[in-house]
Amino acid sequence: MIKTLKRSIRQYKKLSWASPLLVIFEVLIEMLIPYLVGMMIDQGINKGNMSFIWQLGGVLLVMTILSLLSGAGASITSAHAAAGFAANLRHDMFYHTQDYAFENIDKFSSASLVTRMTTDVTNVQNSYQMLIRIAVRAPMMLILAVTMSVIVSPKLSLVFVVLVPIFAIILVGIIMAANPIFPKIFRGYDRLNRTVRENVRGIREVKTYVQEQAQIKQFNKAAQYIYKLFAKAMEIISMQIFAVMLVLNISNLLICWFGTHLIVGGELTTGQLVSMFSYSNSVLFALNILAMISTQIIMSMSSGRRIAAVIDEEPAIKNPVKPVTDLNNGDIVFDHVSFKYEEGDKHYALKDINLHIKSGETIGIIGETGSSKSTLVSMIPRLYDVDGGAVRVAGHNVKSYDLRTLRDNVAMVLQKNVLFSGTIKSNLLWGNENATDEEVIQAAKTAHADGFVSEMKDGYDTVVEQGGNNVSGGQKQRLTIARALLKKPKILILDDSTSAVDTATERQIREALRKDMPETTKIIISQRIVSIKDADRIVVMNHGRIEDIGTHDELIKRNDLYSTIAKFQEESR
């Protein structure tokens, strides 16, 4: 974990070193000041030597200013280093997730990734700032204060030799008791974020089904889970304060008791006793800081492990060493393809699929819900990799292609495709950022989106709300089809992407695709027979297998599943 996180410090290494160096200088001065104050009392005040008082007072003033400047410098450099480190962590996580396959995303969940990039990074940032400043200051202060106390009075310094190890043992016990709780807390944050995210995204369904109270109950359950765990952790950690105050009071009593005896015996001066009280406070202050740091470190260790897990995660799908960068046609071959979503799962989503789709051919795919129609076409752009057999495009195994080359030539439009915040034009340009206005309009015309876009007040510059909530389902589907067409793909996959479009408009879209993209291989997945009946061939899927392949007329005659679906839909009109 530490090795992974260290890589994200990068350009902030110098600031990260500057902060502890400034802290060390600051503490050195601070620990000399009580010693000099003791000298001022013994050799200046007690002896009435004003000249010595003025000289030493001037030195103390300069040292105080230097200490303040060093402390301010340490604060500034540590803040910049920690903020930069956090920015790099977020960048590295987000950048790394862009290479994730669906399998990797499924492993973490989107809600958990958001928590890791926000809450977890903030915890690590706070901890890092402490580590390069306060975590350096506390042990330095502890070591120097004990050292100076030994110089001032070896006998009285034995108080610290006894009490500090006792406090350390108590502190370690508290840390060990609290440490297992924090991973559970962060998993609770994941649940809370998931609940909020689902509620916001599905607010229309929540309102429609009057589920506000059920959602509130679910939110409260997640929030209470975090509250109870956090309260338990804080109860354990609060024992640190009790331990610090106990050690502080005992040390002051012991110094006062033994110190007065040493003064009476002539082994200690008044100034030295004052210095010892100062060093006692410094030692206990350092212990208090260490206790506070330990709390933050406990939390950040859990967060750090979660962040490192995201960065260290190996993408399930990678570019080959020497990739093929040329894809010149839309010929597709499924050669004994099998696939399952989880490695240990005995159930195969696809079983021994054999299918050859010629370049430029229009293929329809139909089957009952759960027959793995979408899974089948996901193998073509390598959204998932096959577990057995091979998928070949234009004569090459898809695993041999450069991923960008493959996915630029395979356009996939889903039933629930997403529009992003921006304008309609900026969303369409996802298909080809260098497309001209004429190409954008032509793609929209082919997808039968130009009509309603032109009627909007700002046309193609109309702002799309988050998730595309200011356009209808059918309009959104046509816009996403237009976006895919701008890629000018060799293979176009429409996965139930016209389900919200009326049949007349859908027919016009199919005719436009046939006319404008004759050389493009078109794969149309649909639950509606009317959407695929004109395809060159239709594939009937059933429980992850290809049950039959043929034209509409052939399947009506010989395939019971297909003819049943067709008959039912005909009667439903």
Protein backbone atom coordinates (compact mmCIF):
# COMPACT_ATOMS: atom_id res chain seq x y z
CA MET A 1 0.00 0.00 0.00
CA ILE A 2 2.69 2.53 1.05
CA LYS A 3 4.69 1.84 -2.11
CA THR A 4 1.63 2.42 -4.28
CA LEU A 5 0.64 5.66 -2.56
CA LYS A 6 4.23 7.00 -2.62
CA ARG A 7 4.18 7.01 -6.42
CA SER A 8 1.51 9.73 -6.32
CA ILE A 9 3.71 12.24 -4.45
CA ARG A 10 5.78 12.93 -7.59
CA GLN A 11 6.37 16.69 -8.07
CA TYR A 12 5.62 17.41 -4.42
CA LYS A 13 8.64 15.52 -3.05
CA LYS A 14 10.68 18.70 -2.43
CA LEU A 15 7.83 20.32 -0.49
CA SER A 16 7.32 17.07 1.41
CA TRP A 17 10.98 17.17 2.51
CA ALA A 18 11.01 20.92 3.20
CA SER A 19 8.20 20.70 5.74
CA PRO A 20 9.87 18.22 8.17
CA LEU A 21 13.22 20.02 7.89
CA LEU A 22 11.56 23.29 8.89
CA VAL A 23 9.77 21.50 11.73
CA ILE A 24 13.03 20.04 13.04
CA PHE A 25 14.60 23.50 13.05
CA GLU A 26 11.52 24.91 14.82
CA VAL A 27 11.58 22.22 17.53
CA LEU A 28 15.33 22.58 18.12
CA ILE A 29 14.81 26.25 18.90
CA GLU A 30 11.72 25.58 21.06
CA MET A 31 13.59 23.01 23.16
CA LEU A 32 16.51 25.39 23.74
CA ILE A 33 14.27 28.21 24.96
CA PRO A 34 13.28 26.61 28.35
CA TYR A 35 16.94 25.85 29.03
CA LEU A 36 17.88 29.47 28.38
CA VAL A 37 14.94 30.70 30.48
CA GLY A 38 16.25 28.61 33.36
CA MET A 39 19.67 30.23 32.91
CA MET A 40 18.04 33.69 32.91
CA ILE A 41 16.31 32.93 36.23
CA ASP A 42 19.42 31.49 37.90
CA GLN A 43 22.12 33.78 36.52
CA GLY A 44 20.11 36.90 35.75
CA ILE A 45 17.02 37.38 37.92
CA ASN A 46 18.31 35.65 41.08
CA LYS A 47 21.61 37.51 40.84
CA GLY A 48 20.12 40.81 39.69
CA ASN A 49 22.30 40.84 36.54
CA MET A 50 20.30 43.08 34.18
CA SER A 51 22.98 43.06 31.50
CA PHE A 52 22.76 39.28 31.26
CA ILE A 53 18.95 39.45 31.22
CA TRP A 54 18.97 41.96 28.30
CA GLN A 55 21.51 39.96 26.31
CA LEU A 56 19.75 36.63 26.80
CA GLY A 57 16.36 38.28 26.27
CA GLY A 58 17.53 39.52 22.85
CA VAL A 59 18.71 36.02 21.94
CA LEU A 60 15.35 34.57 23.04
CA LEU A 61 13.48 37.15 20.95
CA VAL A 62 15.45 36.25 17.81
CA MET A 63 14.99 32.54 18.48
CA THR A 64 11.24 33.01 18.97
CA ILE A 65 10.94 34.86 15.64
CA LEU A 66 12.95 32.18 13.83
CA SER A 67 10.76 29.50 15.43
CA LEU A 68 7.58 31.25 14.30
CA LEU A 69 8.89 31.67 10.75
CA SER A 70 9.94 28.02 10.60
CA GLY A 71 6.54 26.93 11.90
CA ALA A 72 4.70 29.09 9.36
CA GLY A 73 6.90 27.77 6.55
CA ALA A 74 6.26 24.19 7.64
CA SER A 75 2.50 24.81 7.68
CA ILE A 76 2.49 26.30 4.18
CA THR A 77 4.73 23.64 2.60
CA SER A 78 2.89 20.75 4.27
CA ALA A 79 -0.50 22.12 3.15
CA HIS A 80 0.66 22.46 -0.48
CA ALA A 81 2.35 19.05 -0.47
CA ALA A 82 -0.69 17.30 1.03
CA ALA A 83 -3.16 19.02 -1.33
CA GLY A 84 -0.96 18.16 -4.32
CA PHE A 85 -0.60 14.57 -3.16
CA ALA A 86 -4.40 14.29 -2.86
CA ALA A 87 -4.86 15.77 -6.34
CA ASN A 88 -2.43 13.20 -7.76
CA LEU A 89 -4.23 10.36 -5.97
CA ARG A 90 -7.57 11.39 -7.46
CA HIS A 91 -5.96 11.78 -10.87
CA ASP A 92 -4.26 8.37 -10.65
CA MET A 93 -7.43 6.60 -9.54
CA PHE A 94 -9.63 8.22 -12.17
CA TYR A 95 -7.01 7.75 -14.87
CA HIS A 96 -6.60 4.09 -13.92
CA THR A 97 -10.34 3.40 -13.90
CA GLN A 98 -10.51 4.55 -17.53
CA ASP A 99 -8.59 1.37 -18.39
CA TYR A 100 -10.94 -0.82 -16.38
CA ALA A 101 -13.04 -3.43 -18.08
CA PHE A 102 -16.65 -3.89 -17.02
CA GLU A 103 -15.43 -6.77 -14.86
CA ASN A 104 -13.26 -4.38 -12.83
CA ILE A 105 -16.05 -1.81 -12.46
CA ASP A 106 -18.40 -4.55 -11.27
CA LYS A 107 -15.85 -5.55 -8.63
CA PHE A 108 -15.69 -2.14 -6.94
CA SER A 109 -19.10 -0.63 -7.82
CA SER A 110 -19.47 2.99 -8.90
CA ALA A 111 -20.61 4.16 -5.44
CA SER A 112 -17.50 2.70 -3.83
CA LEU A 113 -15.23 4.34 -6.41
CA VAL A 114 -16.82 7.73 -5.67
CA THR A 115 -16.26 7.23 -1.92
CA ARG A 116 -12.63 6.30 -2.51
CA MET A 117 -11.98 9.36 -4.67
CA THR A 118 -13.61 11.73 -2.16
CA THR A 119 -13.81 10.64 1.50
CA ASP A 120 -10.86 8.24 1.40
CA VAL A 121 -8.56 10.67 -0.39
CA THR A 122 -9.47 13.43 2.07
CA ASN A 123 -8.55 11.14 4.98
CA VAL A 124 -5.20 10.31 3.39
CA GLN A 125 -4.57 13.99 2.60
CA ASN A 126 -5.15 15.00 6.24
CA SER A 127 -2.98 12.15 7.45
CA TYR A 128 -0.16 13.01 5.02
CA GLN A 129 -0.14 16.64 6.14
CA MET A 130 0.15 15.41 9.73
CA LEU A 131 2.92 12.96 8.86
CA ILE A 132 5.21 15.52 7.21
CA ARG A 133 4.63 18.16 9.87
CA ILE A 134 2.99 17.21 13.17
CA ALA A 135 4.18 13.60 13.11
CA VAL A 136 7.74 14.91 12.77
CA ARG A 137 7.24 17.58 15.40
CA ALA A 138 5.84 15.27 18.10
CA PRO A 139 8.62 12.64 18.24
CA MET A 140 11.32 15.31 17.79
CA MET A 141 9.82 17.28 20.66
CA LEU A 142 9.58 14.11 22.77
CA ILE A 143 13.19 13.09 22.11
CA LEU A 144 14.66 16.58 22.61
CA ALA A 145 12.53 17.33 25.68
CA VAL A 146 13.64 14.10 27.36
CA THR A 147 17.26 14.76 26.29
CA MET A 148 17.20 18.30 27.67
CA SER A 149 15.57 17.11 30.89
CA VAL A 150 18.44 14.61 31.33
CA ILE A 151 20.92 17.45 30.81
CA VAL A 152 19.09 19.65 33.34
CA SER A 153 18.49 16.93 35.95
CA PRO A 154 19.28 13.25 35.34
CA LYS A 155 17.40 12.24 38.48
CA LEU A 156 14.15 14.06 37.65
CA SER A 157 14.28 12.84 34.04
CA LEU A 158 13.69 9.30 35.35
CA VAL A 159 10.02 10.35 35.69
CA PHE A 160 9.76 10.37 31.87
CA VAL A 161 11.74 7.16 31.48
CA VAL A 162 9.07 5.40 33.54
CA LEU A 163 5.90 7.15 32.36
CA VAL A 164 6.51 7.39 28.57
CA PRO A 165 6.71 3.59 27.98
CA ILE A 166 3.56 3.09 30.07
CA PHE A 167 1.73 5.64 27.91
CA ALA A 168 3.08 4.01 24.72
CA ILE A 169 1.70 0.61 25.81
CA ILE A 170 -1.72 2.15 26.52
CA LEU A 171 -1.69 3.93 23.15
CA VAL A 172 -0.84 0.77 21.20
CA GLY A 173 -3.65 -1.08 22.97
CA ILE A 174 -6.15 1.63 22.02
CA ILE A 175 -5.00 1.60 18.37
CA MET A 176 -5.30 -2.18 18.14
CA ALA A 177 -8.82 -2.07 19.60
CA ALA A 178 -10.05 0.69 17.22
CA ASN A 179 -8.28 -0.39 14.02
CA PRO A 180 -10.72 -3.17 12.89
CA ILE A 181 -13.71 -0.82 13.09
CA PHE A 182 -12.70 1.68 10.39
CA PRO A 183 -12.82 -0.66 7.36
CA LYS A 184 -16.45 -1.39 8.33
CA ILE A 185 -17.15 2.36 8.55
CA PHE A 186 -15.91 2.97 5.01
CA ARG A 187 -17.95 0.09 3.67
CA GLY A 188 -20.86 1.83 5.38
CA TYR A 189 -20.02 5.01 3.46
CA ASP A 190 -20.17 2.96 0.24
CA ARG A 191 -23.68 1.78 1.16
CA LEU A 192 -24.76 5.31 2.04
CA ASN A 193 -23.44 6.73 -1.25
CA ARG A 194 -25.11 3.94 -3.18
CA THR A 195 -28.44 4.68 -1.50
CA VAL A 196 -28.21 8.41 -2.25
CA ARG A 197 -27.05 7.79 -5.82
CA GLU A 198 -29.88 5.38 -6.58
CA ASN A 199 -32.43 7.72 -5.01
CA VAL A 200 -31.29 10.74 -7.03
CA ARG A 201 -31.03 8.82 -10.30
CA GLY A 202 -34.37 7.11 -9.80
CA ILE A 203 -36.24 10.03 -8.24
CA ARG A 204 -39.02 9.80 -10.84
CA GLU A 205 -39.66 6.16 -9.97
CA VAL A 206 -39.51 7.02 -6.26
CA LYS A 207 -42.19 9.67 -6.73
CA THR A 208 -44.29 7.53 -9.05
CA TYR A 209 -44.42 4.58 -6.65
CA VAL A 210 -44.65 6.81 -3.54
CA GLN A 211 -41.53 5.24 -2.05
CA GLU A 212 -40.19 8.34 -0.27
CA GLN A 213 -40.64 6.87 3.21
CA ALA A 214 -39.06 3.56 2.19
CA GLN A 215 -36.08 5.44 0.77
CA ILE A 216 -35.77 7.54 3.93
CA LYS A 217 -35.87 4.36 6.00
CA GLN A 218 -33.13 2.81 3.88
CA PHE A 219 -31.01 5.98 4.14
CA ASN A 220 -31.47 6.15 7.91
CA LYS A 221 -30.45 2.51 8.23
CA ALA A 222 -27.20 3.17 6.36
CA ALA A 223 -26.55 6.39 8.29
CA GLN A 224 -27.23 4.74 11.65
CA TYR A 225 -24.84 1.92 10.78
CA ILE A 226 -22.04 4.46 10.25
CA TYR A 227 -23.04 6.40 13.38
CA LYS A 228 -22.93 3.35 15.66
CA LEU A 229 -19.56 2.18 14.35
CA PHE A 230 -18.05 5.66 14.49
CA ALA A 231 -19.35 6.21 18.01
CA LYS A 232 -17.85 2.90 19.09
CA ALA A 233 -14.49 3.81 17.54
CA MET A 234 -14.50 7.27 19.14
CA GLU A 235 -15.34 5.77 22.55
CA ILE A 236 -12.22 3.64 22.32
CA ILE A 237 -10.04 6.45 20.98
CA SER A 238 -11.27 8.92 23.63
CA MET A 239 -9.38 6.83 26.16
CA GLN A 240 -6.27 8.51 24.74
CA ILE A 241 -7.26 11.80 26.35
CA PHE A 242 -7.76 10.09 29.69
CA ALA A 243 -4.33 8.45 29.37
CA VAL A 244 -2.64 11.76 28.44
CA MET A 245 -4.21 13.67 31.34
CA LEU A 246 -3.35 10.87 33.75
CA VAL A 247 0.31 10.81 32.69
CA LEU A 248 0.50 14.65 32.65
CA ASN A 249 -0.86 15.03 36.19
CA ILE A 250 1.28 12.21 37.57
CA SER A 251 4.44 13.60 35.95
CA ASN A 252 3.81 17.13 37.28
CA LEU A 253 3.15 15.78 40.79
CA LEU A 254 6.31 13.68 40.71
CA ILE A 255 8.44 16.54 39.37
CA CYS A 256 7.00 18.90 41.99
CA TRP A 257 7.57 16.38 44.82
CA PHE A 258 11.07 15.24 43.89
CA GLY A 259 12.07 18.67 42.54
CA THR A 260 11.46 20.45 45.84
CA HIS A 261 13.48 17.80 47.68
CA LEU A 262 16.35 18.24 45.21
CA ILE A 263 16.24 22.05 45.62
CA VAL A 264 16.31 21.73 49.40
CA GLY A 265 19.24 19.31 49.04
CA GLY A 266 21.07 21.77 46.80
CA GLU A 267 21.04 19.41 43.78
CA LEU A 268 18.65 21.56 41.72
CA THR A 269 18.12 25.29 41.16
CA THR A 270 14.83 27.16 40.86
CA GLY A 271 15.52 27.90 37.18
CA GLN A 272 16.21 24.25 36.49
CA LEU A 273 12.91 23.26 38.15
CA VAL A 274 11.07 25.76 35.93
CA SER A 275 12.83 24.25 32.90
CA MET A 276 11.81 20.74 34.01
CA PHE A 277 8.14 21.77 34.26
CA SER A 278 8.42 23.22 30.76
CA TYR A 279 9.99 20.02 29.42
CA SER A 280 7.36 17.99 31.24
CA ASN A 281 4.63 19.91 29.44
CA SER A 282 6.51 19.45 26.14
CA VAL A 283 6.79 15.70 26.67
CA LEU A 284 3.11 15.37 27.50
CA PHE A 285 2.15 17.73 24.66
CA ALA A 286 4.13 15.51 22.28
CA LEU A 287 2.38 12.42 23.66
CA ASN A 288 -0.99 14.12 23.18
CA ILE A 289 -0.11 14.93 19.56
CA LEU A 290 0.98 11.35 18.96
CA ALA A 291 -2.35 10.16 20.34
CA MET A 292 -4.21 12.53 18.01
CA ILE A 293 -2.10 11.47 15.03
CA SER A 294 -2.72 7.81 15.79
CA THR A 295 -6.47 8.38 15.41
CA GLN A 296 -6.03 9.96 12.00
CA ILE A 297 -3.56 7.29 10.91
CA ILE A 298 -5.96 4.49 11.92
CA MET A 299 -8.60 6.01 9.65
CA SER A 300 -6.20 6.81 6.82
CA MET A 301 -4.68 3.32 6.81
CA SER A 302 -8.09 1.89 5.94
CA SER A 303 -8.59 4.62 3.34
CA GLY A 304 -5.09 4.10 1.96
CA ARG A 305 -5.68 0.40 1.44
CA ARG A 306 -8.91 1.16 -0.43
CA ILE A 307 -7.16 3.72 -2.65
CA ALA A 308 -4.22 1.41 -3.34
CA ALA A 309 -6.65 -1.38 -4.28
CA VAL A 310 -8.07 0.82 -7.07
CA ILE A 311 -4.63 1.85 -8.37
CA ASP A 312 -3.15 -1.66 -8.13
CA GLU A 313 -6.13 -3.33 -9.77
CA GLU A 314 -5.04 -4.87 -13.04
CA PRO A 315 -7.47 -4.17 -15.92
CA ALA A 316 -9.11 -7.40 -16.98
CA ILE A 317 -8.73 -6.36 -20.63
CA LYS A 318 -5.40 -5.02 -21.92
CA ASN A 319 -3.88 -4.02 -25.21
CA PRO A 320 -1.69 -6.71 -26.79
CA VAL A 321 2.07 -6.12 -27.02
CA LYS A 322 2.03 -5.76 -30.82
CA PRO A 323 -1.56 -4.76 -31.62
CA VAL A 324 -3.25 -4.79 -35.01
CA THR A 325 -4.11 -1.17 -35.88
CA ASP A 326 -6.02 -1.67 -39.11
CA LEU A 327 -9.61 -2.92 -39.32
CA ASN A 328 -10.83 -2.79 -42.90
CA ASN A 329 -14.20 -4.60 -42.90
CA GLY A 330 -17.06 -5.74 -40.68
CA ASP A 331 -16.73 -9.51 -41.04
CA ILE A 332 -17.41 -11.24 -37.68
CA VAL A 333 -16.84 -14.85 -36.62
CA PHE A 334 -17.85 -16.42 -33.31
CA ASP A 335 -15.84 -19.63 -33.06
CA HIS A 336 -17.06 -21.95 -30.27
CA VAL A 337 -17.41 -18.98 -27.91
CA SER A 338 -18.22 -19.56 -24.24
CA PHE A 339 -18.38 -16.96 -21.47
CA LYS A 340 -19.29 -16.65 -17.79
CA TYR A 341 -19.36 -13.48 -15.69
CA GLU A 342 -17.59 -14.85 -12.62
CA GLU A 343 -14.58 -17.13 -12.63
CA GLY A 344 -15.96 -19.62 -10.13
CA ASP A 345 -19.47 -19.63 -11.60
CA LYS A 346 -20.63 -22.96 -13.03
CA HIS A 347 -23.27 -21.24 -15.15
CA TYR A 348 -22.15 -20.05 -18.60
CA ALA A 349 -23.88 -16.97 -20.01
CA LEU A 350 -22.80 -18.07 -23.51
CA LYS A 351 -22.30 -21.71 -24.48
CA ASP A 352 -20.47 -22.88 -27.62
CA ILE A 353 -21.57 -20.04 -29.90
CA ASN A 354 -20.75 -20.50 -33.61
CA LEU A 355 -21.79 -17.69 -35.94
CA HIS A 356 -20.38 -16.06 -39.07
CA ILE A 357 -21.63 -12.58 -39.98
CA LYS A 358 -20.50 -11.29 -43.38
CA SER A 359 -19.34 -7.71 -43.79
CA GLY A 360 -22.25 -5.42 -44.73
CA GLU A 361 -24.85 -7.95 -43.60
CA THR A 362 -27.80 -6.94 -41.42
CA ILE A 363 -28.37 -9.40 -38.58
CA GLY A 364 -31.31 -9.44 -36.19
CA ILE A 365 -31.04 -11.05 -32.76
CA ILE A 366 -34.08 -12.00 -30.72
CA GLY A 367 -34.76 -14.13 -27.67
CA GLU A 368 -36.43 -14.14 -24.30
CA THR A 369 -35.17 -11.90 -21.49
CA GLY A 370 -31.98 -13.37 -20.04
CA SER A 371 -31.02 -15.29 -23.19
CA SER A 372 -27.65 -13.38 -23.31
CA LYS A 373 -28.31 -11.35 -26.44
CA SER A 374 -26.46 -8.28 -25.09
CA THR A 375 -23.69 -10.46 -23.69
CA LEU A 376 -23.11 -11.92 -27.15
CA VAL A 377 -22.53 -8.57 -28.86
CA SER A 378 -20.42 -7.31 -25.91
CA MET A 379 -17.74 -9.77 -27.02
CA ILE A 380 -17.22 -7.91 -30.32
CA PRO A 381 -15.76 -4.62 -28.95
CA ARG A 382 -14.13 -6.56 -26.04
CA LEU A 383 -16.29 -5.10 -23.32
CA TYR A 384 -15.81 -8.60 -21.92
CA ASP A 385 -13.34 -11.28 -23.00
CA VAL A 386 -14.42 -14.80 -23.92
CA ASP A 387 -13.60 -17.69 -21.58
CA GLY A 388 -13.49 -20.20 -24.40
CA GLY A 389 -13.21 -20.08 -28.18
CA ALA A 390 -12.52 -16.86 -30.09
CA VAL A 391 -14.21 -13.84 -31.66
CA ARG A 392 -12.65 -12.66 -34.91
CA VAL A 393 -13.30 -9.38 -36.70
CA ALA A 394 -11.99 -8.80 -40.23
CA GLY A 395 -9.98 -12.02 -39.94
CA HIS A 396 -8.20 -11.19 -36.66
CA ASN A 397 -8.94 -12.26 -33.10
CA VAL A 398 -10.38 -9.24 -31.28
CA LYS A 399 -7.71 -9.77 -28.58
CA SER A 400 -5.02 -8.94 -31.15
CA TYR A 401 -6.47 -5.49 -31.97
CA ASP A 402 -5.47 -2.18 -30.46
CA LEU A 403 -8.46 -1.41 -28.23
CA ARG A 404 -8.94 2.09 -29.62
CA THR A 405 -8.85 0.77 -33.19
CA LEU A 406 -11.37 -1.93 -32.39
CA ARG A 407 -13.79 0.26 -30.48
CA ASP A 408 -13.56 3.13 -32.96
CA ASN A 409 -14.76 0.70 -35.63
CA VAL A 410 -17.47 -0.96 -33.53
CA ALA A 411 -20.26 1.46 -32.54
CA MET A 412 -22.63 0.17 -29.92
CA VAL A 413 -25.92 1.87 -29.02
CA LEU A 414 -27.66 0.59 -25.89
CA GLN A 415 -31.28 0.86 -24.82
CA LYS A 416 -30.25 3.10 -21.91
CA ASN A 417 -27.39 5.02 -23.44
CA VAL A 418 -26.27 8.12 -21.58
CA LEU A 419 -26.16 11.76 -22.62
CA PHE A 420 -23.64 13.89 -20.75
CA SER A 421 -23.86 17.45 -19.49
CA GLY A 422 -23.16 19.87 -22.35
CA THR A 423 -24.86 20.71 -25.62
CA ILE A 424 -26.48 18.34 -28.09
CA LYS A 425 -23.60 19.02 -30.48
CA SER A 426 -20.93 18.29 -27.86
CA ASN A 427 -22.66 14.98 -27.10
CA LEU A 428 -22.76 14.01 -30.77
CA LEU A 429 -19.08 14.90 -31.19
CA TRP A 430 -18.23 12.05 -28.81
CA GLY A 431 -18.57 9.95 -31.95
CA ASN A 432 -15.98 12.04 -33.81
CA GLU A 433 -14.56 15.17 -32.19
CA ASN A 434 -13.30 16.39 -35.59
CA ALA A 435 -16.64 16.06 -37.37
CA THR A 436 -17.84 19.07 -39.33
CA ASP A 437 -21.25 20.68 -38.77
CA GLU A 438 -22.41 19.10 -42.03
CA GLU A 439 -21.40 15.63 -40.83
CA VAL A 440 -23.15 16.19 -37.50
CA ILE A 441 -26.37 17.22 -39.22
CA GLN A 442 -26.17 14.30 -41.69
CA ALA A 443 -25.75 11.79 -38.85
CA ALA A 444 -28.71 13.35 -37.06
CA LYS A 445 -30.79 13.12 -40.24
CA THR A 446 -29.93 9.44 -40.68
CA ALA A 447 -30.99 8.82 -37.07
CA HIS A 448 -34.12 10.97 -37.60
CA ALA A 449 -33.01 13.36 -34.84
CA ASP A 450 -32.47 16.47 -36.95
CA GLY A 451 -36.18 17.27 -37.05
CA PHE A 452 -36.77 17.70 -33.32
CA VAL A 453 -33.31 19.23 -32.72
CA SER A 454 -33.94 21.94 -35.33
CA GLU A 455 -37.23 22.81 -33.63
CA MET A 456 -35.46 23.53 -30.33
CA LYS A 457 -34.73 27.17 -29.53
CA ASP A 458 -30.95 26.78 -29.66
CA GLY A 459 -30.85 23.87 -32.10
CA TYR A 460 -27.67 21.83 -31.79
CA ASP A 461 -26.42 24.25 -29.11
CA THR A 462 -29.30 23.29 -26.82
CA VAL A 463 -27.94 22.44 -23.38
CA VAL A 464 -28.53 18.86 -22.27
CA GLU A 465 -29.37 18.50 -18.61
CA GLN A 466 -27.62 15.90 -16.48
CA GLY A 467 -28.54 12.47 -17.79
CA GLY A 468 -30.46 14.01 -20.69
CA ASN A 469 -33.56 14.67 -18.59
CA ASN A 470 -34.79 17.48 -20.86
CA VAL A 471 -35.27 15.16 -23.86
CA SER A 472 -37.68 12.25 -24.18
CA GLY A 473 -36.63 8.60 -24.19
CA GLY A 474 -37.15 8.30 -27.94
CA GLN A 475 -35.24 11.52 -28.63
CA LYS A 476 -32.37 10.38 -26.44
CA GLN A 477 -32.17 7.07 -28.32
CA ARG A 478 -32.07 8.83 -31.69
CA LEU A 479 -29.34 11.19 -30.47
CA THR A 480 -27.23 8.28 -29.26
CA ILE A 481 -27.69 6.53 -32.63
CA ALA A 482 -26.53 9.74 -34.38
CA ARG A 483 -23.52 9.86 -32.05
CA ALA A 484 -22.61 6.29 -33.03
CA LEU A 485 -23.02 7.02 -36.74
CA LEU A 486 -20.46 9.85 -36.54
CA LYS A 487 -17.82 7.21 -35.82
CA LYS A 488 -18.46 5.85 -39.34
CA PRO A 489 -18.02 2.35 -37.92
CA LYS A 490 -17.42 -0.90 -39.77
CA ILE A 491 -19.84 -2.57 -37.34
CA LEU A 492 -22.97 -0.95 -35.88
CA ILE A 493 -24.71 -2.67 -32.95
CA LEU A 494 -28.18 -1.46 -31.95
CA ASP A 495 -29.01 -3.18 -28.65
CA ASP A 496 -32.75 -2.56 -28.23
CA SER A 497 -31.88 1.08 -28.92
CA THR A 498 -35.15 1.95 -30.66
CA SER A 499 -37.46 0.57 -27.96
CA ALA A 500 -38.75 4.08 -27.13
CA VAL A 501 -39.20 5.05 -30.80
CA ASP A 502 -42.52 4.57 -32.62
CA THR A 503 -42.54 1.84 -35.28
CA ALA A 504 -42.93 4.28 -38.20
CA THR A 505 -39.86 6.29 -37.18
CA GLU A 506 -37.96 3.09 -36.44
CA ARG A 507 -38.67 1.84 -39.96
CA GLN A 508 -37.42 5.13 -41.41
CA ILE A 509 -34.20 4.83 -39.35
CA ARG A 510 -33.61 1.27 -40.65
CA GLU A 511 -34.16 2.37 -44.24
CA ALA A 512 -31.79 5.32 -43.78
CA LEU A 513 -29.12 3.03 -42.34
CA ARG A 514 -29.50 0.60 -45.24
CA LYS A 515 -29.22 3.44 -47.75
CA ASP A 516 -26.45 5.51 -46.12
CA MET A 517 -24.31 2.68 -44.68
CA PRO A 518 -24.50 -0.23 -47.12
CA GLU A 519 -21.01 -1.57 -46.31
CA THR A 520 -21.44 -1.40 -42.53
CA THR A 521 -22.32 -4.60 -40.70
CA LYS A 522 -25.49 -3.94 -38.72
CA ILE A 523 -26.55 -6.04 -35.73
CA ILE A 524 -30.00 -5.23 -34.35
CA ILE A 525 -31.11 -6.68 -31.02
CA SER A 526 -34.81 -6.26 -30.37
CA GLN A 527 -37.77 -7.76 -28.58
CA ARG A 528 -40.00 -6.63 -31.46
CA ILE A 529 -40.28 -8.85 -34.53
CA VAL A 530 -41.12 -5.83 -36.68
CA SER A 531 -37.69 -4.34 -35.88
CA ILE A 532 -35.75 -7.30 -37.33
CA LYS A 533 -38.04 -9.05 -39.82
CA ASP A 534 -36.32 -7.37 -42.79
CA ALA A 535 -32.82 -8.42 -41.66
CA ASP A 536 -30.73 -10.63 -43.95
CA ARG A 537 -30.69 -13.24 -41.19
CA ILE A 538 -32.18 -13.51 -37.71
CA VAL A 539 -30.46 -15.26 -34.79
CA VAL A 540 -32.75 -16.79 -32.17
CA MET A 541 -31.08 -16.97 -28.72
CA ASN A 542 -32.25 -19.25 -25.92
CA HIS A 543 -30.49 -19.66 -22.56
CA GLY A 544 -27.10 -18.57 -23.84
CA ARG A 545 -27.19 -20.71 -26.99
CA ILE A 546 -28.08 -20.08 -30.62
CA GLU A 547 -31.28 -22.01 -31.15
CA ASP A 548 -31.75 -21.18 -34.82
CA ILE A 549 -30.63 -18.87 -37.65
CA GLY A 550 -32.64 -17.91 -40.71
CA THR A 551 -34.81 -15.35 -42.43
CA HIS A 552 -38.11 -14.22 -40.98
CA ASP A 553 -40.11 -16.50 -43.27
CA GLU A 554 -37.88 -19.50 -42.55
CA LEU A 555 -38.08 -19.08 -38.78
CA ILE A 556 -41.84 -18.57 -38.80
CA LYS A 557 -42.17 -21.99 -40.41
CA ARG A 558 -39.64 -24.03 -38.43
CA ASN A 559 -38.85 -22.38 -35.06
CA ASP A 560 -41.43 -22.66 -32.31
CA LEU A 561 -39.94 -19.92 -30.10
CA TYR A 562 -39.76 -17.39 -32.92
CA SER A 563 -43.22 -18.20 -34.29
CA THR A 564 -44.71 -17.99 -30.77
CA ILE A 565 -43.20 -14.53 -30.23
CA ALA A 566 -44.38 -13.38 -33.66
CA LYS A 567 -47.89 -14.71 -33.10
CA PHE A 568 -48.16 -13.12 -29.66
CA GLN A 569 -46.98 -9.73 -30.94
CA GLU A 570 -49.33 -9.90 -33.91
CA GLU A 571 -52.29 -10.57 -31.59
CA SER A 572 -51.22 -7.74 -29.27
CA ARG A 573 -51.50 -5.06 -31.97
